[in-house]
Amino acid sequence: MEKRVGSILIIVTEKENVPKLNSILSQHGDIIVGRMGLNLGLAAAHVISLVVHGTTDRIASLTGKIGKLKGFEVKSVLSKYVEEDGVENEVTEH
């Protein structure tokens, strides 16, 4: 199955469900290449940025579960993963 490289942005507005978020991220740890958390300086807005590498099904599973949590907004951008030719990749927003 085709793998993609992508970026996922998670905006946290309610900290109460962060333990549930961490559990979901742990379940999908095999596709998470990098993770960075930023405090925007606003009391109710924090950002988590993920770099992922996996199948579209696996990435969709991750974003879908996060999107169902109260207090989180999630957006993703995926590009085709092409290992052989190095040609510039098509970008798709979700």
PDB file of N, CA and C in Angstrom:
ATOM      1  N   MET A   1       0.832  -1.174   0.000  1.00  0.00           N
ATOM      2  CA  MET A   1       0.000   0.000   0.000  1.00  0.00           C
ATOM      3  C   MET A   1       0.885   1.249   0.000  1.00  0.00           C
ATOM      4  N   GLU A   2       0.456   2.269  -0.692  1.00  0.00           N
ATOM      5  CA  GLU A   2       1.222   3.496  -0.831  1.00  0.00           C
ATOM      6  C   GLU A   2       1.336   4.252   0.486  1.00  0.00           C
ATOM      7  N   LYS A   3       2.548   4.720   0.769  1.00  0.00           N
ATOM      8  CA  LYS A   3       2.764   5.516   1.975  1.00  0.00           C
ATOM      9  C   LYS A   3       2.899   6.980   1.596  1.00  0.00           C
ATOM     10  N   ARG A   4       2.523   7.827   2.525  1.00  0.00           N
ATOM     11  CA  ARG A   4       2.619   9.271   2.334  1.00  0.00           C
ATOM     12  C   ARG A   4       3.353   9.906   3.501  1.00  0.00           C
ATOM     13  N   VAL A   5       3.918  11.059   3.225  1.00  0.00           N
ATOM     14  CA  VAL A   5       4.524  11.890   4.257  1.00  0.00           C
ATOM     15  C   VAL A   5       3.590  13.070   4.436  1.00  0.00           C
ATOM     16  N   GLY A   6       3.357  13.472   5.672  1.00  0.00           N
ATOM     17  CA  GLY A   6       2.433  14.579   5.894  1.00  0.00           C
ATOM     18  C   GLY A   6       2.685  15.310   7.189  1.00  0.00           C
ATOM     19  N   SER A   7       1.892  16.351   7.362  1.00  0.00           N
ATOM     20  CA  SER A   7       1.945  17.166   8.565  1.00  0.00           C
ATOM     21  C   SER A   7       0.537  17.270   9.137  1.00  0.00           C
ATOM     22  N   ILE A   8       0.429  17.172  10.439  1.00  0.00           N
ATOM     23  CA  ILE A   8      -0.859  17.277  11.121  1.00  0.00           C
ATOM     24  C   ILE A   8      -0.740  18.385  12.157  1.00  0.00           C
ATOM     25  N   LEU A   9      -1.685  19.301  12.134  1.00  0.00           N
ATOM     26  CA  LEU A   9      -1.731  20.399  13.102  1.00  0.00           C
ATOM     27  C   LEU A   9      -2.912  20.161  14.030  1.00  0.00           C
ATOM     28  N   ILE A  10      -2.655  20.163  15.327  1.00  0.00           N
ATOM     29  CA  ILE A  10      -3.696  19.959  16.336  1.00  0.00           C
ATOM     30  C   ILE A  10      -3.765  21.221  17.185  1.00  0.00           C
ATOM     31  N   ILE A  11      -4.945  21.825  17.248  1.00  0.00           N
ATOM     32  CA  ILE A  11      -5.153  22.986  18.100  1.00  0.00           C
ATOM     33  C   ILE A  11      -5.908  22.518  19.334  1.00  0.00           C
ATOM     34  N   VAL A  12      -5.325  22.770  20.494  1.00  0.00           N
ATOM     35  CA  VAL A  12      -5.896  22.335  21.770  1.00  0.00           C
ATOM     36  C   VAL A  12      -6.559  23.538  22.434  1.00  0.00           C
ATOM     37  N   THR A  13      -7.866  23.442  22.661  1.00  0.00           N
ATOM     38  CA  THR A  13      -8.578  24.528  23.341  1.00  0.00           C
ATOM     39  C   THR A  13      -9.073  24.124  24.727  1.00  0.00           C
ATOM     40  N   GLU A  14      -9.090  22.823  25.004  1.00  0.00           N
ATOM     41  CA  GLU A  14      -9.494  22.330  26.328  1.00  0.00           C
ATOM     42  C   GLU A  14      -8.498  21.258  26.766  1.00  0.00           C
ATOM     43  N   LYS A  15      -7.788  21.527  27.835  1.00  0.00           N
ATOM     44  CA  LYS A  15      -6.732  20.618  28.282  1.00  0.00           C
ATOM     45  C   LYS A  15      -7.239  19.347  28.950  1.00  0.00           C
ATOM     46  N   GLU A  16      -8.515  19.308  29.299  1.00  0.00           N
ATOM     47  CA  GLU A  16      -9.045  18.160  30.042  1.00  0.00           C
ATOM     48  C   GLU A  16      -8.872  16.839  29.297  1.00  0.00           C
ATOM     49  N   ASN A  17      -8.917  16.867  27.974  1.00  0.00           N
ATOM     50  CA  ASN A  17      -8.829  15.633  27.198  1.00  0.00           C
ATOM     51  C   ASN A  17      -7.426  15.333  26.671  1.00  0.00           C
ATOM     52  N   VAL A  18      -6.419  16.054  27.152  1.00  0.00           N
ATOM     53  CA  VAL A  18      -5.049  15.810  26.708  1.00  0.00           C
ATOM     54  C   VAL A  18      -4.597  14.375  27.000  1.00  0.00           C
ATOM     55  N   PRO A  19      -4.946  13.771  28.160  1.00  0.00           N
ATOM     56  CA  PRO A  19      -4.567  12.373  28.372  1.00  0.00           C
ATOM     57  C   PRO A  19      -5.144  11.439  27.290  1.00  0.00           C
ATOM     58  N   LYS A  20      -6.369  11.698  26.843  1.00  0.00           N
ATOM     59  CA  LYS A  20      -6.963  10.890  25.770  1.00  0.00           C
ATOM     60  C   LYS A  20      -6.199  11.104  24.467  1.00  0.00           C
ATOM     61  N   LEU A  21      -5.803  12.353  24.201  1.00  0.00           N
ATOM     62  CA  LEU A  21      -5.010  12.645  23.009  1.00  0.00           C
ATOM     63  C   LEU A  21      -3.691  11.890  23.052  1.00  0.00           C
ATOM     64  N   ASN A  22      -3.008  11.930  24.186  1.00  0.00           N
ATOM     65  CA  ASN A  22      -1.730  11.224  24.312  1.00  0.00           C
ATOM     66  C   ASN A  22      -1.882   9.725  24.102  1.00  0.00           C
ATOM     67  N   SER A  23      -2.998   9.171  24.543  1.00  0.00           N
ATOM     68  CA  SER A  23      -3.259   7.751  24.326  1.00  0.00           C
ATOM     69  C   SER A  23      -3.418   7.446  22.832  1.00  0.00           C
ATOM     70  N   ILE A  24      -4.143   8.297  22.130  1.00  0.00           N
ATOM     71  CA  ILE A  24      -4.329   8.115  20.678  1.00  0.00           C
ATOM     72  C   ILE A  24      -2.995   8.243  19.951  1.00  0.00           C
ATOM     73  N   LEU A  25      -2.205   9.239  20.346  1.00  0.00           N
ATOM     74  CA  LEU A  25      -0.895   9.415  19.709  1.00  0.00           C
ATOM     75  C   LEU A  25       0.001   8.202  19.963  1.00  0.00           C
ATOM     76  N   SER A  26      -0.065   7.634  21.159  1.00  0.00           N
ATOM     77  CA  SER A  26       0.723   6.432  21.464  1.00  0.00           C
ATOM     78  C   SER A  26       0.291   5.249  20.614  1.00  0.00           C
ATOM     79  N   GLN A  27      -1.016   5.114  20.376  1.00  0.00           N
ATOM     80  CA  GLN A  27      -1.526   4.025  19.547  1.00  0.00           C
ATOM     81  C   GLN A  27      -1.051   4.146  18.099  1.00  0.00           C
ATOM     82  N   HIS A  28      -0.730   5.362  17.678  1.00  0.00           N
ATOM     83  CA  HIS A  28      -0.297   5.611  16.301  1.00  0.00           C
ATOM     84  C   HIS A  28       1.182   6.006  16.244  1.00  0.00           C
ATOM     85  N   GLY A  29       1.917   5.671  17.269  1.00  0.00           N
ATOM     86  CA  GLY A  29       3.331   6.029  17.348  1.00  0.00           C
ATOM     87  C   GLY A  29       4.176   5.496  16.210  1.00  0.00           C
ATOM     88  N   ASP A  30       3.733   4.419  15.572  1.00  0.00           N
ATOM     89  CA  ASP A  30       4.494   3.831  14.473  1.00  0.00           C
ATOM     90  C   ASP A  30       4.531   4.717  13.234  1.00  0.00           C
ATOM     91  N   ILE A  31       3.599   5.682  13.113  1.00  0.00           N
ATOM     92  CA  ILE A  31       3.602   6.559  11.943  1.00  0.00           C
ATOM     93  C   ILE A  31       4.048   7.983  12.272  1.00  0.00           C
ATOM     94  N   ILE A  32       4.262   8.281  13.548  1.00  0.00           N
ATOM     95  CA  ILE A  32       4.671   9.628  13.950  1.00  0.00           C
ATOM     96  C   ILE A  32       6.192   9.727  13.918  1.00  0.00           C
ATOM     97  N   VAL A  33       6.682  10.606  13.039  1.00  0.00           N
ATOM     98  CA  VAL A  33       8.121  10.799  12.877  1.00  0.00           C
ATOM     99  C   VAL A  33       8.628  11.886  13.822  1.00  0.00           C
ATOM    100  N   GLY A  34       7.816  12.923  14.031  1.00  0.00           N
ATOM    101  CA  GLY A  34       8.212  14.021  14.906  1.00  0.00           C
ATOM    102  C   GLY A  34       6.998  14.693  15.522  1.00  0.00           C
ATOM    103  N   ARG A  35       7.222  15.314  16.676  1.00  0.00           N
ATOM    104  CA  ARG A  35       6.135  15.980  17.401  1.00  0.00           C
ATOM    105  C   ARG A  35       6.695  17.227  18.074  1.00  0.00           C
ATOM    106  N   MET A  36       5.955  18.341  17.938  1.00  0.00           N
ATOM    107  CA  MET A  36       6.380  19.580  18.574  1.00  0.00           C
ATOM    108  C   MET A  36       5.160  20.269  19.165  1.00  0.00           C
ATOM    109  N   GLY A  37       5.250  20.694  20.403  1.00  0.00           N
ATOM    110  CA  GLY A  37       4.166  21.419  21.051  1.00  0.00           C
ATOM    111  C   GLY A  37       4.552  22.873  21.251  1.00  0.00           C
ATOM    112  N   LEU A  38       3.620  23.778  20.970  1.00  0.00           N
ATOM    113  CA  LEU A  38       3.879  25.206  21.107  1.00  0.00           C
ATOM    114  C   LEU A  38       2.797  25.865  21.942  1.00  0.00           C
ATOM    115  N   ASN A  39       3.203  26.764  22.814  1.00  0.00           N
ATOM    116  CA  ASN A  39       2.263  27.574  23.575  1.00  0.00           C
ATOM    117  C   ASN A  39       2.173  28.910  22.855  1.00  0.00           C
ATOM    118  N   LEU A  40       0.993  29.275  22.391  1.00  0.00           N
ATOM    119  CA  LEU A  40       0.810  30.505  21.635  1.00  0.00           C
ATOM    120  C   LEU A  40       0.738  31.745  22.515  1.00  0.00           C
ATOM    121  N   GLY A  41       0.816  31.567  23.815  1.00  0.00           N
ATOM    122  CA  GLY A  41       0.716  32.692  24.727  1.00  0.00           C
ATOM    123  C   GLY A  41      -0.721  33.073  25.026  1.00  0.00           C
ATOM    124  N   LEU A  42      -1.645  32.270  24.545  1.00  0.00           N
ATOM    125  CA  LEU A  42      -3.063  32.482  24.822  1.00  0.00           C
ATOM    126  C   LEU A  42      -3.497  31.450  25.843  1.00  0.00           C
ATOM    127  N   ALA A  43      -4.362  31.856  26.748  1.00  0.00           N
ATOM    128  CA  ALA A  43      -4.766  30.958  27.833  1.00  0.00           C
ATOM    129  C   ALA A  43      -5.415  29.670  27.329  1.00  0.00           C
ATOM    130  N   ALA A  44      -6.177  29.755  26.254  1.00  0.00           N
ATOM    131  CA  ALA A  44      -6.947  28.580  25.826  1.00  0.00           C
ATOM    132  C   ALA A  44      -6.573  28.086  24.439  1.00  0.00           C
ATOM    133  N   ALA A  45      -5.350  28.309  23.996  1.00  0.00           N
ATOM    134  CA  ALA A  45      -4.964  27.825  22.664  1.00  0.00           C
ATOM    135  C   ALA A  45      -3.510  27.360  22.664  1.00  0.00           C
ATOM    136  N   HIS A  46      -3.330  26.092  22.427  1.00  0.00           N
ATOM    137  CA  HIS A  46      -2.007  25.488  22.321  1.00  0.00           C
ATOM    138  C   HIS A  46      -1.980  24.715  21.007  1.00  0.00           C
ATOM    139  N   VAL A  47      -0.800  24.516  20.452  1.00  0.00           N
ATOM    140  CA  VAL A  47      -0.670  23.857  19.158  1.00  0.00           C
ATOM    141  C   VAL A  47       0.282  22.679  19.281  1.00  0.00           C
ATOM    142  N   ILE A  48      -0.098  21.569  18.673  1.00  0.00           N
ATOM    143  CA  ILE A  48       0.780  20.412  18.545  1.00  0.00           C
ATOM    144  C   ILE A  48       0.930  20.146  17.051  1.00  0.00           C
ATOM    145  N   SER A  49       2.167  20.028  16.609  1.00  0.00           N
ATOM    146  CA  SER A  49       2.451  19.760  15.203  1.00  0.00           C
ATOM    147  C   SER A  49       3.094  18.380  15.097  1.00  0.00           C
ATOM    148  N   LEU A  50       2.589  17.569  14.172  1.00  0.00           N
ATOM    149  CA  LEU A  50       3.123  16.223  13.957  1.00  0.00           C
ATOM    150  C   LEU A  50       3.624  16.083  12.526  1.00  0.00           C
ATOM    151  N   VAL A  51       4.701  15.356  12.351  1.00  0.00           N
ATOM    152  CA  VAL A  51       5.135  14.904  11.027  1.00  0.00           C
ATOM    153  C   VAL A  51       4.874  13.410  11.017  1.00  0.00           C
ATOM    154  N   VAL A  52       4.157  12.940   9.986  1.00  0.00           N
ATOM    155  CA  VAL A  52       3.774  11.533   9.921  1.00  0.00           C
ATOM    156  C   VAL A  52       4.246  10.896   8.613  1.00  0.00           C
ATOM    157  N   HIS A  53       4.414   9.583   8.656  1.00  0.00           N
ATOM    158  CA  HIS A  53       4.778   8.799   7.481  1.00  0.00           C
ATOM    159  C   HIS A  53       4.056   7.457   7.589  1.00  0.00           C
ATOM    160  N   GLY A  54       3.060   7.262   6.718  1.00  0.00           N
ATOM    161  CA  GLY A  54       2.302   6.015   6.774  1.00  0.00           C
ATOM    162  C   GLY A  54       1.261   5.959   5.678  1.00  0.00           C
ATOM    163  N   THR A  55       0.450   4.932   5.717  1.00  0.00           N
ATOM    164  CA  THR A  55      -0.610   4.796   4.720  1.00  0.00           C
ATOM    165  C   THR A  55      -1.711   5.813   4.993  1.00  0.00           C
ATOM    166  N   THR A  56      -2.474   6.120   3.969  1.00  0.00           N
ATOM    167  CA  THR A  56      -3.567   7.077   4.143  1.00  0.00           C
ATOM    168  C   THR A  56      -4.591   6.556   5.141  1.00  0.00           C
ATOM    169  N   ASP A  57      -4.810   5.246   5.170  1.00  0.00           N
ATOM    170  CA  ASP A  57      -5.747   4.662   6.138  1.00  0.00           C
ATOM    171  C   ASP A  57      -5.281   4.893   7.568  1.00  0.00           C
ATOM    172  N   ARG A  58      -4.007   4.702   7.799  1.00  0.00           N
ATOM    173  CA  ARG A  58      -3.450   4.847   9.151  1.00  0.00           C
ATOM    174  C   ARG A  58      -3.475   6.319   9.598  1.00  0.00           C
ATOM    175  N   ILE A  59      -3.123   7.215   8.672  1.00  0.00           N
ATOM    176  CA  ILE A  59      -3.135   8.648   8.989  1.00  0.00           C
ATOM    177  C   ILE A  59      -4.570   9.122   9.228  1.00  0.00           C
ATOM    178  N   ALA A  60      -5.504   8.650   8.405  1.00  0.00           N
ATOM    179  CA  ALA A  60      -6.915   9.016   8.578  1.00  0.00           C
ATOM    180  C   ALA A  60      -7.457   8.492   9.907  1.00  0.00           C
ATOM    181  N   SER A  61      -7.009   7.323  10.329  1.00  0.00           N
ATOM    182  CA  SER A  61      -7.417   6.776  11.622  1.00  0.00           C
ATOM    183  C   SER A  61      -6.972   7.711  12.749  1.00  0.00           C
ATOM    184  N   LEU A  62      -5.745   8.191  12.661  1.00  0.00           N
ATOM    185  CA  LEU A  62      -5.218   9.107  13.676  1.00  0.00           C
ATOM    186  C   LEU A  62      -6.001  10.416  13.698  1.00  0.00           C
ATOM    187  N   THR A  63      -6.153  11.061  12.557  1.00  0.00           N
ATOM    188  CA  THR A  63      -6.840  12.355  12.528  1.00  0.00           C
ATOM    189  C   THR A  63      -8.323  12.214  12.872  1.00  0.00           C
ATOM    190  N   GLY A  64      -8.936  11.120  12.467  1.00  0.00           N
ATOM    191  CA  GLY A  64     -10.349  10.896  12.777  1.00  0.00           C
ATOM    192  C   GLY A  64     -10.597  10.757  14.263  1.00  0.00           C
ATOM    193  N   LYS A  65      -9.740  10.009  14.943  1.00  0.00           N
ATOM    194  CA  LYS A  65      -9.899   9.833  16.392  1.00  0.00           C
ATOM    195  C   LYS A  65      -9.666  11.140  17.146  1.00  0.00           C
ATOM    196  N   ILE A  66      -8.686  11.916  16.701  1.00  0.00           N
ATOM    197  CA  ILE A  66      -8.424  13.206  17.352  1.00  0.00           C
ATOM    198  C   ILE A  66      -9.596  14.155  17.122  1.00  0.00           C
ATOM    199  N   GLY A  67     -10.124  14.148  15.902  1.00  0.00           N
ATOM    200  CA  GLY A  67     -11.231  15.033  15.556  1.00  0.00           C
ATOM    201  C   GLY A  67     -12.493  14.774  16.358  1.00  0.00           C
ATOM    202  N   LYS A  68     -12.640  13.575  16.898  1.00  0.00           N
ATOM    203  CA  LYS A  68     -13.816  13.243  17.709  1.00  0.00           C
ATOM    204  C   LYS A  68     -13.699  13.713  19.150  1.00  0.00           C
ATOM    205  N   LEU A  69     -12.483  14.080  19.568  1.00  0.00           N
ATOM    206  CA  LEU A  69     -12.283  14.519  20.950  1.00  0.00           C
ATOM    207  C   LEU A  69     -12.782  15.946  21.133  1.00  0.00           C
ATOM    208  N   LYS A  70     -13.433  16.199  22.254  1.00  0.00           N
ATOM    209  CA  LYS A  70     -13.893  17.552  22.577  1.00  0.00           C
ATOM    210  C   LYS A  70     -12.685  18.417  22.922  1.00  0.00           C
ATOM    211  N   GLY A  71     -12.644  19.622  22.345  1.00  0.00           N
ATOM    212  CA  GLY A  71     -11.587  20.563  22.661  1.00  0.00           C
ATOM    213  C   GLY A  71     -10.380  20.504  21.752  1.00  0.00           C
ATOM    214  N   PHE A  72     -10.512  19.808  20.612  1.00  0.00           N
ATOM    215  CA  PHE A  72      -9.404  19.703  19.669  1.00  0.00           C
ATOM    216  C   PHE A  72      -9.892  19.968  18.258  1.00  0.00           C
ATOM    217  N   GLU A  73      -9.060  20.646  17.484  1.00  0.00           N
ATOM    218  CA  GLU A  73      -9.305  20.802  16.056  1.00  0.00           C
ATOM    219  C   GLU A  73      -8.079  20.233  15.357  1.00  0.00           C
ATOM    220  N   VAL A  74      -8.296  19.495  14.272  1.00  0.00           N
ATOM    221  CA  VAL A  74      -7.176  18.850  13.596  1.00  0.00           C
ATOM    222  C   VAL A  74      -7.257  19.098  12.093  1.00  0.00           C
ATOM    223  N   LYS A  75      -6.112  19.396  11.490  1.00  0.00           N
ATOM    224  CA  LYS A  75      -5.988  19.586  10.044  1.00  0.00           C
ATOM    225  C   LYS A  75      -4.757  18.826   9.578  1.00  0.00           C
ATOM    226  N   SER A  76      -4.815  18.292   8.361  1.00  0.00           N
ATOM    227  CA  SER A  76      -3.659  17.566   7.843  1.00  0.00           C
ATOM    228  C   SER A  76      -3.386  17.936   6.397  1.00  0.00           C
ATOM    229  N   VAL A  77      -2.120  17.833   6.035  1.00  0.00           N
ATOM    230  CA  VAL A  77      -1.672  18.017   4.659  1.00  0.00           C
ATOM    231  C   VAL A  77      -0.796  16.819   4.336  1.00  0.00           C
ATOM    232  N   LEU A  78      -1.117  16.121   3.256  1.00  0.00           N
ATOM    233  CA  LEU A  78      -0.369  14.929   2.873  1.00  0.00           C
ATOM    234  C   LEU A  78       0.212  15.094   1.474  1.00  0.00           C
ATOM    235  N   SER A  79       1.401  14.534   1.267  1.00  0.00           N
ATOM    236  CA  SER A  79       1.974  14.504  -0.072  1.00  0.00           C
ATOM    237  C   SER A  79       2.317  13.062  -0.410  1.00  0.00           C
ATOM    238  N   LYS A  80       2.312  12.726  -1.689  1.00  0.00           N
ATOM    239  CA  LYS A  80       2.659  11.367  -2.093  1.00  0.00           C
ATOM    240  C   LYS A  80       4.096  11.077  -1.708  1.00  0.00           C
ATOM    241  N   TYR A  81       4.317   9.898  -1.235  1.00  0.00           N
ATOM    242  CA  TYR A  81       5.669   9.469  -0.893  1.00  0.00           C
ATOM    243  C   TYR A  81       6.218   8.700  -2.088  1.00  0.00           C
ATOM    244  N   VAL A  82       7.225   9.262  -2.726  1.00  0.00           N
ATOM    245  CA  VAL A  82       7.854   8.598  -3.877  1.00  0.00           C
ATOM    246  C   VAL A  82       9.321   8.421  -3.561  1.00  0.00           C
ATOM    247  N   GLU A  83       9.725   7.191  -3.386  1.00  0.00           N
ATOM    248  CA  GLU A  83      11.101   6.930  -3.003  1.00  0.00           C
ATOM    249  C   GLU A  83      12.037   6.805  -4.205  1.00  0.00           C
ATOM    250  N   GLU A  84      11.535   6.322  -5.349  1.00  0.00           N
ATOM    251  CA  GLU A  84      12.399   5.980  -6.470  1.00  0.00           C
ATOM    252  C   GLU A  84      12.913   7.161  -7.278  1.00  0.00           C
ATOM    253  N   ASP A  85      12.023   8.107  -7.678  1.00  0.00           N
ATOM    254  CA  ASP A  85      12.410   9.086  -8.683  1.00  0.00           C
ATOM    255  C   ASP A  85      12.757  10.469  -8.158  1.00  0.00           C
ATOM    256  N   GLY A  86      12.386  10.801  -6.955  1.00  0.00           N
ATOM    257  CA  GLY A  86      12.695  12.100  -6.407  1.00  0.00           C
ATOM    258  C   GLY A  86      11.942  13.245  -7.059  1.00  0.00           C
ATOM    259  N   VAL A  87      10.912  12.953  -7.843  1.00  0.00           N
ATOM    260  CA  VAL A  87      10.121  13.990  -8.496  1.00  0.00           C
ATOM    261  C   VAL A  87       9.282  14.702  -7.458  1.00  0.00           C
ATOM    262  N   GLU A  88       9.050  16.002  -7.669  1.00  0.00           N
ATOM    263  CA  GLU A  88       8.245  16.778  -6.735  1.00  0.00           C
ATOM    264  C   GLU A  88       6.889  16.124  -6.558  1.00  0.00           C
ATOM    265  N   ASN A  89       6.393  16.128  -5.313  1.00  0.00           N
ATOM    266  CA  ASN A  89       5.172  15.402  -4.967  1.00  0.00           C
ATOM    267  C   ASN A  89       3.934  16.264  -5.067  1.00  0.00           C
ATOM    268  N   GLU A  90       2.825  15.639  -5.407  1.00  0.00           N
ATOM    269  CA  GLU A  90       1.510  16.269  -5.397  1.00  0.00           C
ATOM    270  C   GLU A  90       1.086  16.482  -3.941  1.00  0.00           C
ATOM    271  N   VAL A  91       0.466  17.614  -3.638  1.00  0.00           N
ATOM    272  CA  VAL A  91       0.041  17.906  -2.268  1.00  0.00           C
ATOM    273  C   VAL A  91      -1.480  17.918  -2.216  1.00  0.00           C
ATOM    274  N   THR A  92      -2.033  17.262  -1.192  1.00  0.00           N
ATOM    275  CA  THR A  92      -3.483  17.188  -1.006  1.00  0.00           C
ATOM    276  C   THR A  92      -3.816  17.674   0.394  1.00  0.00           C
ATOM    277  N   GLU A  93      -4.786  18.593   0.524  1.00  0.00           N
ATOM    278  CA  GLU A  93      -5.217  19.052   1.838  1.00  0.00           C
ATOM    279  C   GLU A  93      -6.476  18.298   2.247  1.00  0.00           C
ATOM    280  N   HIS A  94      -6.571  18.006   3.555  1.00  0.00           N
ATOM    281  CA  HIS A  94      -7.746  17.321   4.116  1.00  0.00           C
ATOM    282  C   HIS A  94      -8.373  18.182   5.157  1.00  0.00           C
TER     283      HIS A  94
END
